[in-house]
C-alpha atoms as a PDB file:
ATOM      1  CA  UNK A   1     158.740 128.566 123.633  1.00  0.00           C
ATOM      2  CA  UNK A   2     159.215 125.030 124.993  1.00  0.00           C
ATOM      3  CA  UNK A   3     156.096 125.418 127.109  1.00  0.00           C
ATOM      4  CA  UNK A   4     153.977 126.224 123.999  1.00  0.00           C
ATOM      5  CA  UNK A   5     155.375 123.225 122.150  1.00  0.00           C
ATOM      6  CA  UNK A   6     154.664 121.005 125.181  1.00  0.00           C
ATOM      7  CA  UNK A   7     151.027 122.168 125.289  1.00  0.00           C
ATOM      8  CA  UNK A   8     150.713 121.751 121.527  1.00  0.00           C
ATOM      9  CA  UNK A   9     152.124 118.222 121.767  1.00  0.00           C
ATOM     10  CA  UNK A  10     149.698 117.267 124.550  1.00  0.00           C
ATOM     11  CA  UNK A  11     146.819 118.758 122.553  1.00  0.00           C
ATOM     12  CA  UNK A  12     147.775 116.804 119.404  1.00  0.00           C
ATOM     13  CA  UNK A  13     148.141 113.546 121.375  1.00  0.00           C
ATOM     14  CA  UNK A  14     144.718 114.087 122.990  1.00  0.00           C
ATOM     15  CA  UNK A  15     143.063 114.647 119.587  1.00  0.00           C
ATOM     16  CA  UNK A  16     144.743 111.560 118.115  1.00  0.00           C
ATOM     17  CA  UNK A  17     143.610 109.486 121.113  1.00  0.00           C
ATOM     18  CA  UNK A  18     140.007 110.626 120.764  1.00  0.00           C
ATOM     19  CA  UNK A  19     139.953 109.995 117.001  1.00  0.00           C
ATOM     20  CA  UNK A  20     141.551 106.593 117.472  1.00  0.00           C
ATOM     21  CA  UNK A  21     138.976 105.617 120.091  1.00  0.00           C
ATOM     22  CA  UNK A  22     136.116 106.740 117.830  1.00  0.00           C
ATOM     23  CA  UNK A  23     137.457 104.812 114.837  1.00  0.00           C
ATOM     24  CA  UNK A  24     137.794 101.658 116.941  1.00  0.00           C
ATOM     25  CA  UNK A  25     134.178 101.933 118.078  1.00  0.00           C
ATOM     26  CA  UNK A  26     132.863 102.465 114.544  1.00  0.00           C
ATOM     27  CA  UNK A  27     134.940  99.531 113.251  1.00  0.00           C
ATOM     28  CA  UNK A  28     133.321  97.024 115.592  1.00  0.00           C
ATOM     29  CA  UNK A  29     130.849  94.645 114.047  1.00  0.00           C
ATOM     30  CA  UNK A  30     127.267  95.654 114.530  1.00  0.00           C
ATOM     31  CA  UNK A  31     125.100  92.974 116.095  1.00  0.00           C
ATOM     32  CA  UNK A  32     123.184  90.743 113.707  1.00  0.00           C
ATOM     33  CA  UNK A  33     119.469  91.519 113.544  1.00  0.00           C
ATOM     34  CA  UNK A  34     117.416  89.254 115.749  1.00  0.00           C
ATOM     35  CA  UNK A  35     115.520  86.674 113.725  1.00  0.00           C
ATOM     36  CA  UNK A  36     111.893  86.075 114.615  1.00  0.00           C
ATOM     37  CA  UNK A  37     110.524  82.683 115.659  1.00  0.00           C
ATOM     38  CA  UNK A  38     108.710  82.581 112.318  1.00  0.00           C
ATOM     39  CA  UNK A  39     111.983  83.052 110.402  1.00  0.00           C
ATOM     40  CA  UNK A  40     113.725  80.403 112.473  1.00  0.00           C
ATOM     41  CA  UNK A  41     110.948  77.916 111.655  1.00  0.00           C
ATOM     42  CA  UNK A  42     111.112  78.472 107.901  1.00  0.00           C
ATOM     43  CA  UNK A  43     112.534  75.943 105.453  1.00  0.00           C
ATOM     44  CA  UNK A  44     114.067  76.411 102.014  1.00  0.00           C
ATOM     45  CA  UNK A  45     110.792  75.198 100.516  1.00  0.00           C
ATOM     46  CA  UNK A  46     109.030  78.285 101.896  1.00  0.00           C
ATOM     47  CA  UNK A  47     111.145  80.742  99.895  1.00  0.00           C
ATOM     48  CA  UNK A  48     110.973  78.469  96.832  1.00  0.00           C
ATOM     49  CA  UNK A  49     107.157  78.492  97.036  1.00  0.00           C
ATOM     50  CA  UNK A  50     107.109  82.293  97.284  1.00  0.00           C
ATOM     51  CA  UNK A  51     109.400  82.503  94.243  1.00  0.00           C
ATOM     52  CA  UNK A  52     107.080  80.128  92.368  1.00  0.00           C
ATOM     53  CA  UNK A  53     104.039  82.288  93.170  1.00  0.00           C
ATOM     54  CA  UNK A  54     105.815  85.445  92.004  1.00  0.00           C
ATOM     55  CA  UNK A  55     106.922  83.676  88.825  1.00  0.00           C
ATOM     56  CA  UNK A  56     103.337  82.562  88.154  1.00  0.00           C
ATOM     57  CA  UNK A  57     102.032  86.108  88.756  1.00  0.00           C
ATOM     58  CA  UNK A  58     104.513  87.657  86.341  1.00  0.00           C
ATOM     59  CA  UNK A  59     103.982  84.957  83.731  1.00  0.00           C
ATOM     60  CA  UNK A  60     100.276  85.815  83.727  1.00  0.00           C
ATOM     61  CA  UNK A  61     101.128  89.528  83.444  1.00  0.00           C
ATOM     62  CA  UNK A  62     103.651  88.999  80.618  1.00  0.00           C
ATOM     63  CA  UNK A  63     101.081  86.869  78.770  1.00  0.00           C
ATOM     64  CA  UNK A  64      98.519  89.684  79.297  1.00  0.00           C
ATOM     65  CA  UNK A  65      96.289  87.442  81.450  1.00  0.00           C
ATOM     66  CA  UNK A  66      95.665  90.328  83.840  1.00  0.00           C
ATOM     67  CA  UNK A  67      92.547  88.862  85.445  1.00  0.00           C
ATOM     68  CA  UNK A  68      94.396  85.652  86.374  1.00  0.00           C
ATOM     69  CA  UNK A  69      97.328  87.669  87.786  1.00  0.00           C
ATOM     70  CA  UNK A  70      95.013  89.871  89.875  1.00  0.00           C
ATOM     71  CA  UNK A  71      93.074  86.774  90.987  1.00  0.00           C
ATOM     72  CA  UNK A  72      96.221  85.390  92.624  1.00  0.00           C
ATOM     73  CA  UNK A  73      96.449  88.271  95.092  1.00  0.00           C
ATOM     74  CA  UNK A  74      95.247  88.336  98.692  1.00  0.00           C
ATOM     75  CA  UNK A  75      95.264  90.798 101.559  1.00  0.00           C
ATOM     76  CA  UNK A  76      95.222  90.533 105.331  1.00  0.00           C
ATOM     77  CA  UNK A  77      92.028  91.209 107.243  1.00  0.00           C
ATOM     78  CA  UNK A  78      92.704  94.698 108.598  1.00  0.00           C
ATOM     79  CA  UNK A  79      90.709  94.013 111.779  1.00  0.00           C
ATOM     80  CA  UNK A  80      92.848  90.974 112.679  1.00  0.00           C
ATOM     81  CA  UNK A  81      95.997  90.261 110.683  1.00  0.00           C
ATOM     82  CA  UNK A  82      96.123  86.695 111.992  1.00  0.00           C
ATOM     83  CA  UNK A  83      92.816  85.779 110.334  1.00  0.00           C
ATOM     84  CA  UNK A  84      92.660  83.946 107.027  1.00  0.00           C
ATOM     85  CA  UNK A  85      93.931  86.107 104.133  1.00  0.00           C
ATOM     86  CA  UNK A  86      91.124  87.393 101.944  1.00  0.00           C
ATOM     87  CA  UNK A  87      91.072  87.446  98.125  1.00  0.00           C
ATOM     88  CA  UNK A  88      90.773  90.882  96.578  1.00  0.00           C
ATOM     89  CA  UNK A  89      87.260  92.134  95.969  1.00  0.00           C
ATOM     90  CA  UNK A  90      86.086  93.084  92.463  1.00  0.00           C
ATOM     91  CA  UNK A  91      87.041  96.761  92.806  1.00  0.00           C
ATOM     92  CA  UNK A  92      90.549  95.895  94.080  1.00  0.00           C
ATOM     93  CA  UNK A  93      91.033  93.326  91.304  1.00  0.00           C
ATOM     94  CA  UNK A  94      89.956  95.899  88.690  1.00  0.00           C
ATOM     95  CA  UNK A  95      92.524  98.336  90.099  1.00  0.00           C
ATOM     96  CA  UNK A  96      95.309  95.730  89.810  1.00  0.00           C
ATOM     97  CA  UNK A  97      94.190  94.782  86.277  1.00  0.00           C
ATOM     98  CA  UNK A  98      94.290  98.452  85.251  1.00  0.00           C
ATOM     99  CA  UNK A  99      97.770  98.875  86.723  1.00  0.00           C
ATOM    100  CA  UNK A 100      99.047  95.785  84.872  1.00  0.00           C
ATOM    101  CA  UNK A 101      97.519  96.945  81.590  1.00  0.00           C
ATOM    102  CA  UNK A 102      99.319 100.287  81.853  1.00  0.00           C
ATOM    103  CA  UNK A 103     102.733  98.762  82.640  1.00  0.00           C
ATOM    104  CA  UNK A 104     104.108  96.821  79.633  1.00  0.00           C
ATOM    105  CA  UNK A 105     105.902  94.057  81.565  1.00  0.00           C
ATOM    106  CA  UNK A 106     108.729  92.346  79.657  1.00  0.00           C
ATOM    107  CA  UNK A 107     110.326  90.594  82.634  1.00  0.00           C
ATOM    108  CA  UNK A 108     111.323  90.946  86.263  1.00  0.00           C
ATOM    109  CA  UNK A 109     114.055  90.393  88.829  1.00  0.00           C
ATOM    110  CA  UNK A 110     113.576  89.547  92.483  1.00  0.00           C
ATOM    111  CA  UNK A 111     115.893  91.923  94.318  1.00  0.00           C
ATOM    112  CA  UNK A 112     115.364  90.490  97.800  1.00  0.00           C
ATOM    113  CA  UNK A 113     113.027  88.559 100.056  1.00  0.00           C
ATOM    114  CA  UNK A 114     112.619  89.512 103.714  1.00  0.00           C
ATOM    115  CA  UNK A 115     110.596  87.276 105.993  1.00  0.00           C
ATOM    116  CA  UNK A 116     109.504  88.366 109.465  1.00  0.00           C
ATOM    117  CA  UNK A 117     106.094  87.002 110.503  1.00  0.00           C
ATOM    118  CA  UNK A 118     103.435  84.861 108.834  1.00  0.00           C
ATOM    119  CA  UNK A 119     101.492  88.019 107.989  1.00  0.00           C
ATOM    120  CA  UNK A 120     104.386  90.455 107.463  1.00  0.00           C
ATOM    121  CA  UNK A 121     106.928  89.669 104.744  1.00  0.00           C
ATOM    122  CA  UNK A 122     108.329  91.601 101.812  1.00  0.00           C
ATOM    123  CA  UNK A 123     109.645  90.838  98.343  1.00  0.00           C
ATOM    124  CA  UNK A 124     110.981  93.629  96.137  1.00  0.00           C
ATOM    125  CA  UNK A 125     110.886  93.001  92.388  1.00  0.00           C
ATOM    126  CA  UNK A 126     112.294  95.184  89.659  1.00  0.00           C
ATOM    127  CA  UNK A 127     109.816  95.004  86.812  1.00  0.00           C
ATOM    128  CA  UNK A 128     111.397  95.347  83.372  1.00  0.00           C
ATOM    129  CA  UNK A 129     109.276  97.689  81.266  1.00  0.00           C
ATOM    130  CA  UNK A 130     111.743  98.023  78.399  1.00  0.00           C
ATOM    131  CA  UNK A 131     114.955  96.099  77.841  1.00  0.00           C
ATOM    132  CA  UNK A 132     118.125  98.064  77.284  1.00  0.00           C
ATOM    133  CA  UNK A 133     120.631  97.289  74.581  1.00  0.00           C
ATOM    134  CA  UNK A 134     123.604  97.044  76.963  1.00  0.00           C
ATOM    135  CA  UNK A 135     125.258 100.083  75.414  1.00  0.00           C
ATOM    136  CA  UNK A 136     123.546 103.454  75.171  1.00  0.00           C
ATOM    137  CA  UNK A 137     119.913 102.568  75.922  1.00  0.00           C
ATOM    138  CA  UNK A 138     119.443 101.619  79.582  1.00  0.00           C
ATOM    139  CA  UNK A 139     116.891  99.147  80.851  1.00  0.00           C
ATOM    140  CA  UNK A 140     113.690 100.824  82.062  1.00  0.00           C
ATOM    141  CA  UNK A 141     112.321  99.355  85.293  1.00  0.00           C
ATOM    142  CA  UNK A 142     109.884 100.077  88.073  1.00  0.00           C
ATOM    143  CA  UNK A 143     109.525  98.522  91.527  1.00  0.00           C
ATOM    144  CA  UNK A 144     106.764  96.251  92.736  1.00  0.00           C
ATOM    145  CA  UNK A 145     106.491  95.141  96.358  1.00  0.00           C
ATOM    146  CA  UNK A 146     104.827  91.842  97.206  1.00  0.00           C
ATOM    147  CA  UNK A 147     103.626  90.708 100.599  1.00  0.00           C
ATOM    148  CA  UNK A 148     103.695  86.898 100.835  1.00  0.00           C
ATOM    149  CA  UNK A 149     101.385  85.580 103.557  1.00  0.00           C
ATOM    150  CA  UNK A 150     101.752  82.211 105.267  1.00  0.00           C
ATOM    151  CA  UNK A 151      98.524  80.666 106.491  1.00  0.00           C
ATOM    152  CA  UNK A 152      97.967  77.123 107.789  1.00  0.00           C
ATOM    153  CA  UNK A 153     101.194  75.849 106.239  1.00  0.00           C
ATOM    154  CA  UNK A 154     100.608  77.328 102.775  1.00  0.00           C
ATOM    155  CA  UNK A 155     101.567  80.549 101.054  1.00  0.00           C
ATOM    156  CA  UNK A 156      99.503  83.104  99.185  1.00  0.00           C
ATOM    157  CA  UNK A 157     100.682  86.212  97.443  1.00  0.00           C
ATOM    158  CA  UNK A 158      99.745  89.693  98.530  1.00  0.00           C
ATOM    159  CA  UNK A 159     100.747  93.015  97.030  1.00  0.00           C
ATOM    160  CA  UNK A 160     101.741  95.975  99.178  1.00  0.00           C
ATOM    161  CA  UNK A 161      99.111  98.679  99.310  1.00  0.00           C
ATOM    162  CA  UNK A 162      99.348 101.572 101.758  1.00  0.00           C
ATOM    163  CA  UNK A 163      95.590 102.135 101.450  1.00  0.00           C
ATOM    164  CA  UNK A 164      95.096  98.742 103.145  1.00  0.00           C
ATOM    165  CA  UNK A 165      97.459  99.693 105.961  1.00  0.00           C
ATOM    166  CA  UNK A 166     100.504  97.909 104.514  1.00  0.00           C
ATOM    167  CA  UNK A 167     103.899  99.356 105.218  1.00  0.00           C
ATOM    168  CA  UNK A 168     107.349  98.519 103.931  1.00  0.00           C
ATOM    169  CA  UNK A 169     109.199  96.072 106.142  1.00  0.00           C
ATOM    170  CA  UNK A 170     112.711  97.023 105.009  1.00  0.00           C
ATOM    171  CA  UNK A 171     113.877 100.603 105.341  1.00  0.00           C
ATOM    172  CA  UNK A 172     115.034 102.061 101.995  1.00  0.00           C
ATOM    173  CA  UNK A 173     118.607 102.640 103.199  1.00  0.00           C
ATOM    174  CA  UNK A 174     118.965  98.954 104.167  1.00  0.00           C
ATOM    175  CA  UNK A 175     117.737  97.451 100.863  1.00  0.00           C
ATOM    176  CA  UNK A 176     121.167  97.391  99.252  1.00  0.00           C
ATOM    177  CA  UNK A 177     122.529  94.996 101.862  1.00  0.00           C
ATOM    178  CA  UNK A 178     119.560  92.657 101.344  1.00  0.00           C
ATOM    179  CA  UNK A 179     120.013  92.801  97.558  1.00  0.00           C
ATOM    180  CA  UNK A 180     123.676  91.802  97.968  1.00  0.00           C
ATOM    181  CA  UNK A 181     122.790  88.950 100.340  1.00  0.00           C
ATOM    182  CA  UNK A 182     119.931  87.596  98.204  1.00  0.00           C
ATOM    183  CA  UNK A 183     120.882  84.936  95.665  1.00  0.00           C
ATOM    184  CA  UNK A 184     118.253  85.118  92.945  1.00  0.00           C
ATOM    185  CA  UNK A 185     116.965  82.004  91.235  1.00  0.00           C
ATOM    186  CA  UNK A 186     114.728  83.932  88.893  1.00  0.00           C
ATOM    187  CA  UNK A 187     115.533  86.710  86.485  1.00  0.00           C
ATOM    188  CA  UNK A 188     112.695  86.240  84.083  1.00  0.00           C
ATOM    189  CA  UNK A 189     112.220  87.944  80.784  1.00  0.00           C
ATOM    190  CA  UNK A 190     109.565  87.087  78.279  1.00  0.00           C
ATOM    191  CA  UNK A 191     111.837  84.741  76.340  1.00  0.00           C
ATOM    192  CA  UNK A 192     114.326  84.294  79.178  1.00  0.00           C
ATOM    193  CA  UNK A 193     115.240  81.191  81.075  1.00  0.00           C
ATOM    194  CA  UNK A 194     115.775  80.352  84.691  1.00  0.00           C
ATOM    195  CA  UNK A 195     119.418  80.605  85.759  1.00  0.00           C
END
């Protein structure tokens, strides 16, 4: 009987040791993501300029100036992403205008901004389609991804489009951590104010 209890005790101690070792490994801090040279060279003014461009875009959309909003958008040259960003052609602008006409935009929130390279950046905005009442009617929103592009020291605004070869920079399961880390300056509604 003592021999069985001895083996049981050794078995329990071994399991506790393994579980303890695993919990210690999972509790260690994960390494910080490596920042690119482009990110390291950015200044606060860069993110402020991107926020300004997004604000201008949405102000046009809220005011139903869809042509002006679509006219702000650029895309990378698919043959060489380091070339000068190109304005949308007439067909692409018409597609954006149609999209904006269908979505009744009342406001927006920038959820996060992720910068990586001059040609590869991402801003996720929640577009407010209908305001909630704070009680039983929830706010209705949709997502819009922007692709800010830095070229020769200036910024222009792109919109993500998989047909042009764009892909999301941030994986969906990692967006929450970026939303928590991002301190928004803008939460614009049609009659809202800047915080």
